[in-house]
């Protein structure tokens, strides 16, 4: 199913299979910006929409049911920062696979078979038949090749990187990342191997012992799902199959895999999810 007007095209052709919707503008709107707003059951996700007339993929991650999808143009010239509705549509989602949205690329977790990181995932997982073995290999690879990028973290804190979305091949080439980069890379590599993986954004208890008690910091981490029902181990951390498991590569890597950080990441009270992609 394709819906369109003189502003945008919303393509649902593969949505029941992928859990994503393809959206693009059909004409130049400069100097205005464009946004995509996706809503369901009172929950709302906002995204930037490309203005170069190429399509992008947006996840419908709030489960089966009716979604409202709007293309917004703005901000308005009155100085109020308001956006006008350029196109609106609805879609009643019925996924063929309940995990489909976390098995496919989208705007935040963008990847394709020809990318270096995806080729690396294929090489790492060659000959591995069990999902948890693939997760172990990809996890260990990322921990080995990446270091935390403090300079980029400070730039984010100063507001210098608004709208930043990591490119997985740039992350590999630089060998450095902030939490967002670790999490996007892990999600893309696992998804490319048929393993459902969420990019999760939210707040975590500030791990700095000097921080005020109860303070939180904005953070990115992952949840992954393997089909094998048994427990398994990744770098001394225990996980269980047939359910979603939280994993925090950034904290593990920056703390050198200490017992304290493993205990921290295992404690649900330290994590408050706000968004998942």
Protein backbone atom coordinates (compact mmCIF):
# COMPACT_ATOMS: atom_id res chain seq x y z
CA UNK A 1 0.00 0.00 0.00
CA UNK A 2 1.32 3.44 -0.95
CA UNK A 3 -0.16 6.77 0.16
CA UNK A 4 0.98 10.02 -1.40
CA UNK A 5 0.16 13.64 -2.11
CA UNK A 6 2.13 16.56 -3.53
CA UNK A 7 4.35 16.68 -0.41
CA UNK A 8 5.37 13.12 0.45
CA UNK A 9 5.09 9.41 -0.28
CA UNK A 10 4.43 6.95 2.56
CA UNK A 11 5.13 3.39 1.43
CA UNK A 12 3.73 0.50 3.52
CA UNK A 13 4.48 -2.21 0.94
CA UNK A 14 6.93 -4.12 3.18
CA UNK A 15 5.65 -2.91 6.55
CA UNK A 16 3.95 -6.20 7.62
CA UNK A 17 7.25 -8.02 7.03
CA UNK A 18 9.80 -5.48 8.28
CA UNK A 19 7.87 -3.42 10.83
CA UNK A 20 9.17 -0.27 9.14
CA UNK A 21 7.61 2.32 6.84
CA UNK A 22 9.40 4.10 4.00
CA UNK A 23 8.81 7.86 3.73
CA UNK A 24 10.21 10.50 1.39
CA UNK A 25 9.46 14.01 0.20
CA UNK A 26 8.53 14.45 -3.44
CA UNK A 27 9.56 18.08 -3.82
CA UNK A 28 12.09 20.49 -2.40
CA UNK A 29 10.79 22.42 0.62
CA UNK A 30 13.89 24.51 1.47
CA UNK A 31 14.39 26.55 3.57
CA UNK A 32 11.85 24.65 5.67
CA UNK A 33 12.62 21.47 7.59
CA UNK A 34 10.61 18.26 7.56
CA UNK A 35 9.74 15.87 10.38
CA UNK A 36 7.98 12.56 10.72
CA UNK A 37 5.67 12.06 13.69
CA UNK A 38 4.50 8.52 14.49
CA UNK A 39 1.90 7.98 17.22
CA UNK A 40 0.04 5.06 18.75
CA UNK A 41 -1.97 4.75 21.98
CA UNK A 42 -0.70 8.06 23.34
CA UNK A 43 2.98 7.30 22.63
CA UNK A 44 4.83 9.54 20.16
CA UNK A 45 8.10 9.30 18.24
CA UNK A 46 9.49 12.25 16.25
CA UNK A 47 12.14 11.96 13.54
CA UNK A 48 13.92 14.16 11.06
CA UNK A 49 12.88 13.62 7.43
CA UNK A 50 15.46 13.87 4.68
CA UNK A 51 15.03 16.89 2.40
CA UNK A 52 17.10 15.45 -0.49
CA UNK A 53 14.08 13.52 -1.83
CA UNK A 54 15.52 10.13 -0.87
CA UNK A 55 13.47 7.74 1.24
CA UNK A 56 14.26 6.69 4.80
CA UNK A 57 12.91 3.88 6.99
CA UNK A 58 11.04 4.54 10.22
CA UNK A 59 10.19 1.83 12.78
CA UNK A 60 6.69 1.01 14.00
CA UNK A 61 7.95 -0.34 17.32
CA UNK A 62 4.86 0.07 19.48
CA UNK A 63 3.27 -3.26 18.61
CA UNK A 64 0.32 -4.23 16.44
CA UNK A 65 -2.54 -1.77 16.11
CA UNK A 66 -3.40 1.54 14.45
CA UNK A 67 -0.64 4.08 13.88
CA UNK A 68 -0.97 7.74 12.99
CA UNK A 69 1.82 8.94 10.69
CA UNK A 70 2.29 12.60 9.80
CA UNK A 71 4.81 14.53 7.74
CA UNK A 72 5.36 17.94 9.33
CA UNK A 73 6.83 21.00 7.61
CA UNK A 74 8.32 24.00 9.35
CA UNK A 75 9.16 25.77 11.44
CA UNK A 76 6.59 28.40 10.57
CA UNK A 77 7.80 31.91 9.63
CA UNK A 78 5.90 33.46 12.59
CA UNK A 79 8.82 32.66 14.89
CA UNK A 80 6.78 30.33 17.09
CA UNK A 81 8.57 27.20 15.90
CA UNK A 82 5.33 25.55 14.83
CA UNK A 83 5.10 22.89 12.14
CA UNK A 84 2.30 22.46 9.60
CA UNK A 85 0.94 19.05 8.61
CA UNK A 86 2.04 18.33 5.04
CA UNK A 87 0.62 14.82 4.87
CA UNK A 88 -1.16 12.47 7.28
CA UNK A 89 -2.06 8.83 7.13
CA UNK A 90 -3.04 5.88 9.28
CA UNK A 91 -1.89 2.28 9.20
CA UNK A 92 -3.20 -0.78 11.02
CA UNK A 93 -0.11 -2.90 11.72
CA UNK A 94 -0.24 -6.70 11.86
CA UNK A 95 3.30 -8.09 11.92
CA UNK A 96 4.10 -11.50 10.48
CA UNK A 97 6.96 -11.75 13.01
CA UNK A 98 6.55 -9.94 16.37
CA UNK A 99 10.30 -9.19 16.42
CA UNK A 100 10.46 -7.95 12.82
CA UNK A 101 10.98 -4.28 13.67
CA UNK A 102 14.16 -5.19 15.60
CA UNK A 103 15.46 -7.38 12.78
CA UNK A 104 15.55 -4.74 10.06
CA UNK A 105 17.30 -1.42 9.31
CA UNK A 106 15.73 1.91 10.15
CA UNK A 107 16.84 5.53 10.33
CA UNK A 108 18.64 5.06 13.66
CA UNK A 109 20.02 1.57 13.02
CA UNK A 110 21.01 1.95 9.39
CA UNK A 111 22.96 -0.81 7.64
CA UNK A 112 23.24 -2.67 4.35
CA UNK A 113 25.03 -5.89 3.28
CA UNK A 114 27.93 -4.06 1.63
CA UNK A 115 28.94 -2.13 4.75
CA UNK A 116 32.23 -3.06 6.40
CA UNK A 117 30.61 -3.68 9.79
CA UNK A 118 28.05 -6.06 8.30
CA UNK A 119 30.72 -7.97 6.40
CA UNK A 120 32.65 -8.22 9.68
CA UNK A 121 29.56 -9.65 11.40
CA UNK A 122 29.20 -12.28 8.68
CA UNK A 123 32.85 -13.27 9.04
CA UNK A 124 32.64 -13.44 12.83
CA UNK A 125 29.55 -15.63 12.71
CA UNK A 126 30.66 -17.94 9.92
CA UNK A 127 30.21 -21.55 11.05
CA UNK A 128 28.43 -20.59 14.27
CA UNK A 129 25.05 -22.31 14.46
CA UNK A 130 23.78 -21.00 17.79
CA UNK A 131 22.46 -17.48 18.23
CA UNK A 132 24.15 -16.99 21.60
CA UNK A 133 27.50 -17.95 20.06
CA UNK A 134 27.02 -15.21 17.45
CA UNK A 135 26.15 -12.69 20.17
CA UNK A 136 29.27 -13.68 22.10
CA UNK A 137 31.48 -13.22 19.03
CA UNK A 138 30.05 -9.82 18.05
CA UNK A 139 30.05 -8.52 21.63
CA UNK A 140 33.71 -9.48 22.17
CA UNK A 141 34.70 -7.97 18.80
CA UNK A 142 33.14 -4.59 19.59
CA UNK A 143 34.66 -4.47 23.07
CA UNK A 144 38.07 -5.25 21.57
CA UNK A 145 38.07 -2.70 18.75
CA UNK A 146 36.31 0.31 20.34
CA UNK A 147 37.37 2.83 22.97
CA UNK A 148 35.13 5.42 24.57
CA UNK A 149 35.28 8.77 22.78
CA UNK A 150 35.41 11.36 25.56
CA UNK A 151 35.85 14.24 23.10
CA UNK A 152 32.63 13.37 21.28
CA UNK A 153 30.83 12.88 24.61
CA UNK A 154 31.82 16.41 25.67
CA UNK A 155 30.67 17.84 22.33
CA UNK A 156 27.28 16.16 22.83
CA UNK A 157 27.04 17.63 26.34
CA UNK A 158 27.77 21.09 24.91
CA UNK A 159 24.94 20.70 22.39
CA UNK A 160 27.26 20.69 19.39
CA UNK A 161 25.92 17.48 17.80
CA UNK A 162 22.15 17.93 17.60
CA UNK A 163 20.60 15.28 15.36
CA UNK A 164 23.70 13.07 15.46
CA UNK A 165 23.12 9.46 14.36
CA UNK A 166 26.19 7.16 14.30
CA UNK A 167 27.39 5.65 11.04
CA UNK A 168 28.52 2.10 11.82
CA UNK A 169 31.39 2.09 9.34
CA UNK A 170 32.66 5.44 10.61
CA UNK A 171 32.55 3.97 14.12
CA UNK A 172 34.66 1.00 13.00
CA UNK A 173 37.15 3.18 11.13
CA UNK A 174 37.69 5.56 14.05
CA UNK A 175 37.80 2.82 16.70
CA UNK A 176 35.98 5.21 19.04
CA UNK A 177 32.38 5.75 20.06
CA UNK A 178 30.06 7.13 22.69
CA UNK A 179 27.26 4.98 24.10
CA UNK A 180 25.07 5.73 21.07
CA UNK A 181 27.75 4.46 18.70
CA UNK A 182 28.39 1.26 20.67
CA UNK A 183 24.67 0.50 20.77
CA UNK A 184 23.91 1.23 17.11
CA UNK A 185 26.84 -0.91 15.97
CA UNK A 186 25.84 -3.84 18.19
CA UNK A 187 22.19 -3.65 17.04
CA UNK A 188 23.11 -3.49 13.34
CA UNK A 189 25.57 -6.39 13.52
CA UNK A 190 23.17 -8.64 15.42
CA UNK A 191 20.20 -7.81 13.19
CA UNK A 192 22.26 -8.59 10.11
CA UNK A 193 22.68 -12.11 11.55
CA UNK A 194 18.97 -12.59 12.16
CA UNK A 195 19.12 -11.87 15.91
CA UNK A 196 16.53 -9.36 17.21
CA UNK A 197 18.24 -6.44 18.92
CA UNK A 198 16.89 -3.15 20.23
CA UNK A 199 18.67 0.18 20.41
CA UNK A 200 17.42 1.57 23.72
CA UNK A 201 17.63 5.19 24.89
CA UNK A 202 16.81 6.36 28.39
CA UNK A 203 18.24 7.32 31.75
CA UNK A 204 20.57 5.40 34.03
CA UNK A 205 21.76 5.95 37.56
CA UNK A 206 24.91 8.07 37.39
CA UNK A 207 27.75 5.57 38.02
CA UNK A 208 30.17 8.32 39.12
CA UNK A 209 30.59 7.92 42.91
CA UNK A 210 31.00 11.71 43.16
CA UNK A 211 27.57 12.36 41.65
CA UNK A 212 24.61 13.32 43.88
CA UNK A 213 22.70 10.29 45.11
CA UNK A 214 19.85 9.36 42.79
CA UNK A 215 21.07 11.47 39.87
CA UNK A 216 20.55 10.10 36.36
CA UNK A 217 22.37 10.47 33.04
CA UNK A 218 21.05 10.04 29.49
CA UNK A 219 22.39 6.85 27.97
CA UNK A 220 22.05 4.25 25.20
CA UNK A 221 22.21 0.48 25.59
CA UNK A 222 20.80 -2.67 23.96
CA UNK A 223 18.37 -5.50 24.48
CA UNK A 224 18.75 -8.69 22.44
CA UNK A 225 16.73 -11.87 22.02
CA UNK A 226 18.00 -15.37 21.29
CA UNK A 227 15.76 -18.36 20.63
CA UNK A 228 17.74 -20.97 22.57
CA UNK A 229 16.06 -21.37 26.00
CA UNK A 230 19.15 -22.12 28.12
CA UNK A 231 21.39 -19.78 30.09
CA UNK A 232 24.69 -18.68 28.56
CA UNK A 233 27.67 -16.55 29.48
CA UNK A 234 29.24 -13.51 27.81
CA UNK A 235 32.40 -12.21 29.49
CA UNK A 236 31.27 -13.54 32.91
CA UNK A 237 27.76 -12.09 32.55
CA UNK A 238 24.87 -14.54 32.58
CA UNK A 239 21.99 -14.29 30.12
CA UNK A 240 18.98 -16.45 29.37
CA UNK A 241 17.51 -17.37 26.02
CA UNK A 242 13.89 -17.02 24.90
CA UNK A 243 13.58 -13.53 26.41
CA UNK A 244 14.93 -10.00 25.97
CA UNK A 245 18.27 -9.43 27.73
CA UNK A 246 19.76 -6.04 28.57
CA UNK A 247 23.42 -5.51 27.75
CA UNK A 248 25.50 -2.34 28.19
CA UNK A 249 28.69 -2.49 26.14
CA UNK A 250 29.71 1.07 27.00
CA UNK A 251 29.81 0.60 30.77
CA UNK A 252 31.43 -2.81 30.48
CA UNK A 253 34.15 -1.53 28.15
CA UNK A 254 34.89 1.71 30.01
CA UNK A 255 35.07 -0.07 33.39
CA UNK A 256 37.21 -2.94 32.15
CA UNK A 257 34.58 -5.59 32.87
CA UNK A 258 34.77 -5.20 36.65
CA UNK A 259 32.38 -7.08 38.94
CA UNK A 260 30.96 -3.74 40.07
CA UNK A 261 29.90 -2.77 36.55
CA UNK A 262 28.43 -6.22 35.92
CA UNK A 263 26.37 -5.92 39.09
CA UNK A 264 25.34 -2.39 38.06
CA UNK A 265 24.12 -3.40 34.60
CA UNK A 266 22.26 -6.42 36.00
CA UNK A 267 20.18 -4.24 38.34
CA UNK A 268 16.91 -3.12 36.72
CA UNK A 269 16.64 -0.24 39.20
CA UNK A 270 19.56 1.51 37.47
CA UNK A 271 17.85 1.69 34.06
CA UNK A 272 14.80 3.65 32.93
CA UNK A 273 13.91 3.13 29.27
CA UNK A 274 12.26 5.99 27.39
CA UNK A 275 12.70 5.04 23.73
CA UNK A 276 13.58 1.99 21.67
CA UNK A 277 14.39 1.70 17.98
